[in-house]
Amino acid sequence: MCTGIVETATVSGSGKGPKGWFKLDQVNVSYDHSTDAQLENALNIDFVNQREGPGARGAVERSAESARKLAEVILTTLARGDE
């Protein structure tokens, strides 16, 4: 069953896709069926630039446990950078 859980945020930065580097302007985060990962449900993160189209997209699918670990590592790294 699809969860329908989707959150979207405006972001800035760069991503690398099949055509090289592109500017990011949005991230879409969902918890739903995975497309490629062998998981019933996954945390799906799509970094996109809507104006540049499908070639300006970077996506990952992670298990819930792996996504929580990633969030912890991101927060730890940022805290260390603030020291």
N, C-alpha and C. Protein backbone atom coordinates (compact mmCIF):
# COMPACT_ATOMS: atom_id res chain seq x y z
N MET A 1 0.83 -1.17 0.00
CA MET A 1 0.00 0.00 0.00
C MET A 1 0.89 1.25 0.00
N CYS A 2 0.56 2.21 -0.82
CA CYS A 2 1.30 3.46 -0.87
C CYS A 2 1.01 4.27 0.38
N THR A 3 2.05 4.93 0.90
CA THR A 3 1.86 5.72 2.11
C THR A 3 1.41 7.13 1.80
N GLY A 4 1.81 7.68 0.66
CA GLY A 4 1.46 9.05 0.31
C GLY A 4 2.23 10.08 1.12
N ILE A 5 3.26 9.67 1.84
CA ILE A 5 4.04 10.60 2.67
C ILE A 5 5.09 11.27 1.79
N VAL A 6 4.95 12.59 1.60
CA VAL A 6 5.90 13.37 0.79
C VAL A 6 6.09 14.73 1.42
N GLU A 7 7.33 15.14 1.56
CA GLU A 7 7.67 16.48 2.02
C GLU A 7 8.58 17.11 0.97
N THR A 8 8.42 18.40 0.73
CA THR A 8 9.22 19.12 -0.25
C THR A 8 9.79 20.37 0.39
N ALA A 9 11.04 20.70 0.03
CA ALA A 9 11.66 21.91 0.57
C ALA A 9 12.52 22.56 -0.51
N THR A 10 12.63 23.87 -0.41
CA THR A 10 13.54 24.62 -1.27
C THR A 10 14.94 24.46 -0.69
N VAL A 11 15.91 24.16 -1.54
CA VAL A 11 17.30 23.99 -1.11
C VAL A 11 18.22 24.72 -2.07
N SER A 12 19.47 24.85 -1.68
CA SER A 12 20.48 25.39 -2.59
C SER A 12 21.70 24.51 -2.51
N GLY A 13 22.44 24.48 -3.56
CA GLY A 13 23.64 23.65 -3.63
C GLY A 13 23.81 23.12 -5.04
N SER A 14 24.58 22.08 -5.18
CA SER A 14 24.83 21.47 -6.48
C SER A 14 24.69 19.96 -6.38
N GLY A 15 24.31 19.36 -7.49
CA GLY A 15 24.23 17.92 -7.60
C GLY A 15 24.87 17.49 -8.90
N LYS A 16 25.18 16.22 -9.00
CA LYS A 16 25.79 15.72 -10.24
C LYS A 16 24.90 14.65 -10.83
N GLY A 17 24.55 14.83 -12.08
CA GLY A 17 23.70 13.89 -12.79
C GLY A 17 24.39 13.40 -14.05
N PRO A 18 23.65 12.77 -14.94
CA PRO A 18 24.24 12.20 -16.15
C PRO A 18 24.87 13.24 -17.08
N LYS A 19 24.45 14.49 -16.97
CA LYS A 19 24.99 15.55 -17.82
C LYS A 19 26.01 16.41 -17.07
N GLY A 20 26.43 15.99 -15.89
CA GLY A 20 27.38 16.75 -15.10
C GLY A 20 26.71 17.49 -13.95
N TRP A 21 27.38 18.52 -13.45
CA TRP A 21 26.89 19.26 -12.29
C TRP A 21 25.73 20.17 -12.66
N PHE A 22 24.80 20.32 -11.71
CA PHE A 22 23.66 21.21 -11.89
C PHE A 22 23.32 21.85 -10.55
N LYS A 23 22.68 23.01 -10.59
CA LYS A 23 22.25 23.70 -9.38
C LYS A 23 21.00 23.02 -8.83
N LEU A 24 20.97 22.84 -7.52
CA LEU A 24 19.79 22.27 -6.86
C LEU A 24 18.86 23.40 -6.44
N ASP A 25 17.55 23.16 -6.55
CA ASP A 25 16.61 24.14 -6.04
C ASP A 25 15.50 23.51 -5.19
N GLN A 26 15.43 22.19 -5.19
CA GLN A 26 14.34 21.53 -4.45
C GLN A 26 14.77 20.14 -4.02
N VAL A 27 14.26 19.71 -2.87
CA VAL A 27 14.42 18.32 -2.45
C VAL A 27 13.02 17.77 -2.14
N ASN A 28 12.78 16.58 -2.61
CA ASN A 28 11.53 15.87 -2.34
C ASN A 28 11.88 14.63 -1.51
N VAL A 29 11.28 14.52 -0.35
CA VAL A 29 11.55 13.38 0.53
C VAL A 29 10.24 12.63 0.73
N SER A 30 10.27 11.35 0.44
CA SER A 30 9.06 10.55 0.62
C SER A 30 9.39 9.26 1.35
N TYR A 31 8.38 8.67 1.95
CA TYR A 31 8.49 7.34 2.55
C TYR A 31 7.43 6.49 1.87
N ASP A 32 7.89 5.63 0.99
CA ASP A 32 6.95 4.87 0.17
C ASP A 32 7.66 3.67 -0.43
N HIS A 33 7.01 3.00 -1.34
CA HIS A 33 7.62 1.86 -2.02
C HIS A 33 8.92 2.30 -2.69
N SER A 34 9.91 1.45 -2.64
CA SER A 34 11.16 1.76 -3.33
C SER A 34 11.01 1.42 -4.80
N THR A 35 11.85 2.05 -5.63
CA THR A 35 11.86 1.76 -7.05
C THR A 35 12.89 0.69 -7.38
N ASP A 36 14.06 0.79 -6.74
CA ASP A 36 15.15 -0.13 -7.06
C ASP A 36 15.61 -0.93 -5.85
N ALA A 37 15.69 -0.30 -4.69
CA ALA A 37 16.16 -0.98 -3.48
C ALA A 37 15.21 -2.13 -3.14
N GLN A 38 15.76 -3.19 -2.64
CA GLN A 38 14.95 -4.36 -2.27
C GLN A 38 14.34 -4.17 -0.89
N LEU A 39 13.45 -3.18 -0.80
CA LEU A 39 12.79 -2.84 0.46
C LEU A 39 11.29 -2.69 0.23
N GLU A 40 10.52 -3.06 1.23
CA GLU A 40 9.07 -2.86 1.14
C GLU A 40 8.77 -1.37 1.02
N ASN A 41 9.34 -0.59 1.93
CA ASN A 41 9.24 0.86 1.91
C ASN A 41 10.62 1.43 2.13
N ALA A 42 10.86 2.61 1.59
CA ALA A 42 12.16 3.26 1.73
C ALA A 42 11.96 4.75 1.91
N LEU A 43 12.96 5.38 2.51
CA LEU A 43 13.01 6.84 2.52
C LEU A 43 13.65 7.22 1.20
N ASN A 44 12.92 7.93 0.38
CA ASN A 44 13.36 8.29 -0.96
C ASN A 44 13.67 9.79 -0.97
N ILE A 45 14.89 10.13 -1.40
CA ILE A 45 15.31 11.53 -1.44
C ILE A 45 15.66 11.87 -2.88
N ASP A 46 14.96 12.85 -3.43
CA ASP A 46 15.22 13.32 -4.80
C ASP A 46 15.65 14.78 -4.73
N PHE A 47 16.90 15.04 -5.13
CA PHE A 47 17.40 16.39 -5.25
C PHE A 47 17.20 16.79 -6.70
N VAL A 48 16.54 17.93 -6.95
CA VAL A 48 16.18 18.28 -8.32
C VAL A 48 16.39 19.77 -8.61
N ASN A 49 16.43 20.05 -9.90
CA ASN A 49 16.31 21.41 -10.41
C ASN A 49 15.16 21.34 -11.40
N GLN A 50 14.01 21.83 -10.98
CA GLN A 50 12.79 21.70 -11.79
C GLN A 50 12.93 22.34 -13.17
N ARG A 51 13.64 23.46 -13.26
CA ARG A 51 13.76 24.16 -14.55
C ARG A 51 14.60 23.38 -15.56
N GLU A 52 15.56 22.59 -15.07
CA GLU A 52 16.44 21.86 -15.99
C GLU A 52 15.91 20.49 -16.39
N GLY A 53 14.85 20.02 -15.76
CA GLY A 53 14.21 18.78 -16.17
C GLY A 53 14.83 17.52 -15.59
N PRO A 54 14.45 16.35 -16.13
CA PRO A 54 14.84 15.05 -15.57
C PRO A 54 16.34 14.80 -15.47
N GLY A 55 17.14 15.43 -16.35
CA GLY A 55 18.59 15.22 -16.30
C GLY A 55 19.24 15.87 -15.09
N ALA A 56 18.51 16.78 -14.44
CA ALA A 56 19.03 17.49 -13.27
C ALA A 56 18.36 16.91 -12.02
N ARG A 57 18.71 15.65 -11.74
CA ARG A 57 18.08 14.94 -10.62
C ARG A 57 19.08 13.95 -10.04
N GLY A 58 19.12 13.91 -8.73
CA GLY A 58 19.91 12.90 -8.03
C GLY A 58 19.02 12.26 -6.98
N ALA A 59 18.92 10.96 -6.98
CA ALA A 59 17.99 10.29 -6.08
C ALA A 59 18.68 9.18 -5.30
N VAL A 60 18.21 8.95 -4.07
CA VAL A 60 18.66 7.82 -3.27
C VAL A 60 17.45 7.18 -2.59
N GLU A 61 17.54 5.90 -2.37
CA GLU A 61 16.55 5.15 -1.61
C GLU A 61 17.28 4.49 -0.46
N ARG A 62 16.77 4.67 0.75
CA ARG A 62 17.45 4.14 1.93
C ARG A 62 16.42 3.47 2.83
N SER A 63 16.89 2.47 3.57
CA SER A 63 16.02 1.87 4.58
C SER A 63 15.80 2.92 5.68
N ALA A 64 14.76 2.74 6.46
CA ALA A 64 14.48 3.68 7.55
C ALA A 64 15.66 3.76 8.51
N GLU A 65 16.24 2.62 8.85
CA GLU A 65 17.40 2.59 9.76
C GLU A 65 18.58 3.34 9.16
N SER A 66 18.85 3.10 7.90
CA SER A 66 19.96 3.77 7.22
C SER A 66 19.72 5.27 7.13
N ALA A 67 18.48 5.68 6.88
CA ALA A 67 18.15 7.11 6.81
C ALA A 67 18.36 7.79 8.17
N ARG A 68 17.99 7.11 9.25
CA ARG A 68 18.21 7.67 10.59
C ARG A 68 19.71 7.82 10.88
N LYS A 69 20.50 6.83 10.47
CA LYS A 69 21.95 6.93 10.65
C LYS A 69 22.51 8.09 9.84
N LEU A 70 22.04 8.26 8.62
CA LEU A 70 22.48 9.38 7.79
C LEU A 70 22.15 10.71 8.45
N ALA A 71 20.94 10.84 8.97
CA ALA A 71 20.55 12.08 9.65
C ALA A 71 21.45 12.35 10.85
N GLU A 72 21.78 11.34 11.63
CA GLU A 72 22.68 11.50 12.78
C GLU A 72 24.06 11.95 12.33
N VAL A 73 24.59 11.32 11.29
CA VAL A 73 25.93 11.67 10.80
C VAL A 73 25.95 13.10 10.26
N ILE A 74 24.89 13.51 9.56
CA ILE A 74 24.81 14.88 9.06
C ILE A 74 24.83 15.86 10.22
N LEU A 75 24.00 15.63 11.24
CA LEU A 75 23.95 16.55 12.39
C LEU A 75 25.26 16.58 13.16
N THR A 76 25.92 15.43 13.31
CA THR A 76 27.21 15.38 13.99
C THR A 76 28.25 16.17 13.21
N THR A 77 28.28 15.98 11.90
CA THR A 77 29.24 16.68 11.06
C THR A 77 29.02 18.19 11.11
N LEU A 78 27.78 18.63 11.05
CA LEU A 78 27.49 20.06 11.12
C LEU A 78 27.88 20.64 12.47
N ALA A 79 27.61 19.90 13.54
CA ALA A 79 27.99 20.37 14.88
C ALA A 79 29.51 20.51 15.00
N ARG A 80 30.24 19.57 14.45
CA ARG A 80 31.70 19.66 14.48
C ARG A 80 32.18 20.86 13.66
N GLY A 81 31.52 21.15 12.56
CA GLY A 81 31.87 22.30 11.75
C GLY A 81 31.60 23.62 12.43
N ASP A 82 30.63 23.63 13.35
CA ASP A 82 30.29 24.85 14.09
C ASP A 82 31.24 25.11 15.25
N GLU A 83 32.04 24.11 15.64
CA GLU A 83 32.93 24.25 16.79
C GLU A 83 34.05 25.24 16.52
